[in-house]
Amino acid sequence: MSDFQTLSERIDVLETRLAFQDETIETLNKTITAQWQQIDALTRQLAALGERLIEAEAAAPGPANEPPPHY
């Protein structure tokens, strides 16, 4: 009966550890999902800013062929 009790205790310990591991995995999964959503949003924002920069550079006036003001 001692072997049965020892085995039962070991199973209880393993079940407890498994429950904590499942909770940890779920928490990590939620964290990773939130991080990927933020990365996606930042990537889209960076692309939009890059497009705006290209448009601003294209619309900027070129250098004038005027002499500097000290002439």
C-alpha atoms as a PDB file:
ATOM      1  CA  MET A   1       0.000   0.000   0.000  1.00  0.00           C
ATOM      2  CA  SER A   2       2.953   2.280   0.542  1.00  0.00           C
ATOM      3  CA  ASP A   3       3.866   2.008  -3.136  1.00  0.00           C
ATOM      4  CA  PHE A   4       0.348   2.988  -4.106  1.00  0.00           C
ATOM      5  CA  GLN A   5       0.424   5.986  -1.778  1.00  0.00           C
ATOM      6  CA  THR A   6       3.830   7.086  -3.102  1.00  0.00           C
ATOM      7  CA  LEU A   7       2.630   6.740  -6.675  1.00  0.00           C
ATOM      8  CA  SER A   8      -0.542   8.661  -5.868  1.00  0.00           C
ATOM      9  CA  GLU A   9       1.466  11.488  -4.277  1.00  0.00           C
ATOM     10  CA  ARG A  10       3.761  11.648  -7.305  1.00  0.00           C
ATOM     11  CA  ILE A  11       0.755  11.859  -9.628  1.00  0.00           C
ATOM     12  CA  ASP A  12      -0.738  14.634  -7.495  1.00  0.00           C
ATOM     13  CA  VAL A  13       2.512  16.583  -7.672  1.00  0.00           C
ATOM     14  CA  LEU A  14       2.690  16.116 -11.436  1.00  0.00           C
ATOM     15  CA  GLU A  15      -0.925  17.228 -11.882  1.00  0.00           C
ATOM     16  CA  THR A  16      -0.272  20.327  -9.800  1.00  0.00           C
ATOM     17  CA  ARG A  17       2.829  21.171 -11.822  1.00  0.00           C
ATOM     18  CA  LEU A  18       0.930  20.598 -15.060  1.00  0.00           C
ATOM     19  CA  ALA A  19      -1.830  22.971 -13.964  1.00  0.00           C
ATOM     20  CA  PHE A  20       0.710  25.706 -13.194  1.00  0.00           C
ATOM     21  CA  GLN A  21       2.504  25.074 -16.484  1.00  0.00           C
ATOM     22  CA  ASP A  22      -0.769  25.320 -18.404  1.00  0.00           C
ATOM     23  CA  GLU A  23      -1.514  28.645 -16.714  1.00  0.00           C
ATOM     24  CA  THR A  24       1.996  29.915 -17.475  1.00  0.00           C
ATOM     25  CA  ILE A  25       1.752  28.847 -21.112  1.00  0.00           C
ATOM     26  CA  GLU A  26      -1.596  30.593 -21.491  1.00  0.00           C
ATOM     27  CA  THR A  27      -0.215  33.783 -19.947  1.00  0.00           C
ATOM     28  CA  LEU A  28       2.821  33.679 -22.229  1.00  0.00           C
ATOM     29  CA  ASN A  29       0.600  33.066 -25.248  1.00  0.00           C
ATOM     30  CA  LYS A  30      -1.527  36.115 -24.425  1.00  0.00           C
ATOM     31  CA  THR A  31       1.604  38.214 -23.945  1.00  0.00           C
ATOM     32  CA  ILE A  32       3.094  37.102 -27.252  1.00  0.00           C
ATOM     33  CA  THR A  33      -0.190  37.743 -29.065  1.00  0.00           C
ATOM     34  CA  ALA A  34      -0.375  41.276 -27.638  1.00  0.00           C
ATOM     35  CA  GLN A  35       3.240  41.921 -28.603  1.00  0.00           C
ATOM     36  CA  TRP A  36       2.656  40.759 -32.191  1.00  0.00           C
ATOM     37  CA  GLN A  37      -0.372  43.022 -32.464  1.00  0.00           C
ATOM     38  CA  GLN A  38       1.739  45.939 -31.279  1.00  0.00           C
ATOM     39  CA  ILE A  39       4.560  45.009 -33.684  1.00  0.00           C
ATOM     40  CA  ASP A  40       2.072  44.873 -36.572  1.00  0.00           C
ATOM     41  CA  ALA A  41       0.628  48.266 -35.643  1.00  0.00           C
ATOM     42  CA  LEU A  42       4.088  49.802 -35.368  1.00  0.00           C
ATOM     43  CA  THR A  43       5.139  48.267 -38.692  1.00  0.00           C
ATOM     44  CA  ARG A  44       2.090  49.784 -40.413  1.00  0.00           C
ATOM     45  CA  GLN A  45       2.773  53.136 -38.750  1.00  0.00           C
ATOM     46  CA  LEU A  46       6.419  53.050 -39.851  1.00  0.00           C
ATOM     47  CA  ALA A  47       5.392  52.268 -43.428  1.00  0.00           C
ATOM     48  CA  ALA A  48       2.904  55.158 -43.418  1.00  0.00           C
ATOM     49  CA  LEU A  49       5.556  57.527 -42.077  1.00  0.00           C
ATOM     50  CA  GLY A  50       7.985  56.347 -44.738  1.00  0.00           C
ATOM     51  CA  GLU A  51       5.409  57.098 -47.436  1.00  0.00           C
ATOM     52  CA  ARG A  52       4.761  60.538 -45.945  1.00  0.00           C
ATOM     53  CA  LEU A  53       8.487  61.250 -45.919  1.00  0.00           C
ATOM     54  CA  ILE A  54       8.819  60.273 -49.574  1.00  0.00           C
ATOM     55  CA  GLU A  55       5.857  62.520 -50.454  1.00  0.00           C
ATOM     56  CA  ALA A  56       7.295  65.407 -48.427  1.00  0.00           C
ATOM     57  CA  GLU A  57      10.691  65.061 -50.076  1.00  0.00           C
ATOM     58  CA  ALA A  58       9.076  64.991 -53.522  1.00  0.00           C
ATOM     59  CA  ALA A  59       6.984  68.082 -52.773  1.00  0.00           C
ATOM     60  CA  ALA A  60       9.848  70.041 -51.218  1.00  0.00           C
ATOM     61  CA  PRO A  61      11.190  72.850 -53.355  1.00  0.00           C
ATOM     62  CA  GLY A  62      14.555  72.202 -54.897  1.00  0.00           C
ATOM     63  CA  PRO A  63      17.598  74.293 -54.187  1.00  0.00           C
ATOM     64  CA  ALA A  64      17.271  77.736 -55.714  1.00  0.00           C
ATOM     65  CA  ASN A  65      20.019  79.031 -57.957  1.00  0.00           C
ATOM     66  CA  GLU A  66      20.235  82.222 -56.040  1.00  0.00           C
ATOM     67  CA  PRO A  67      23.452  83.624 -54.694  1.00  0.00           C
ATOM     68  CA  PRO A  68      23.843  83.475 -50.939  1.00  0.00           C
ATOM     69  CA  PRO A  69      22.590  86.514 -49.030  1.00  0.00           C
ATOM     70  CA  HIS A  70      26.105  87.803 -48.295  1.00  0.00           C
ATOM     71  CA  TYR A  71      26.765  88.657 -51.975  1.00  0.00           C
END
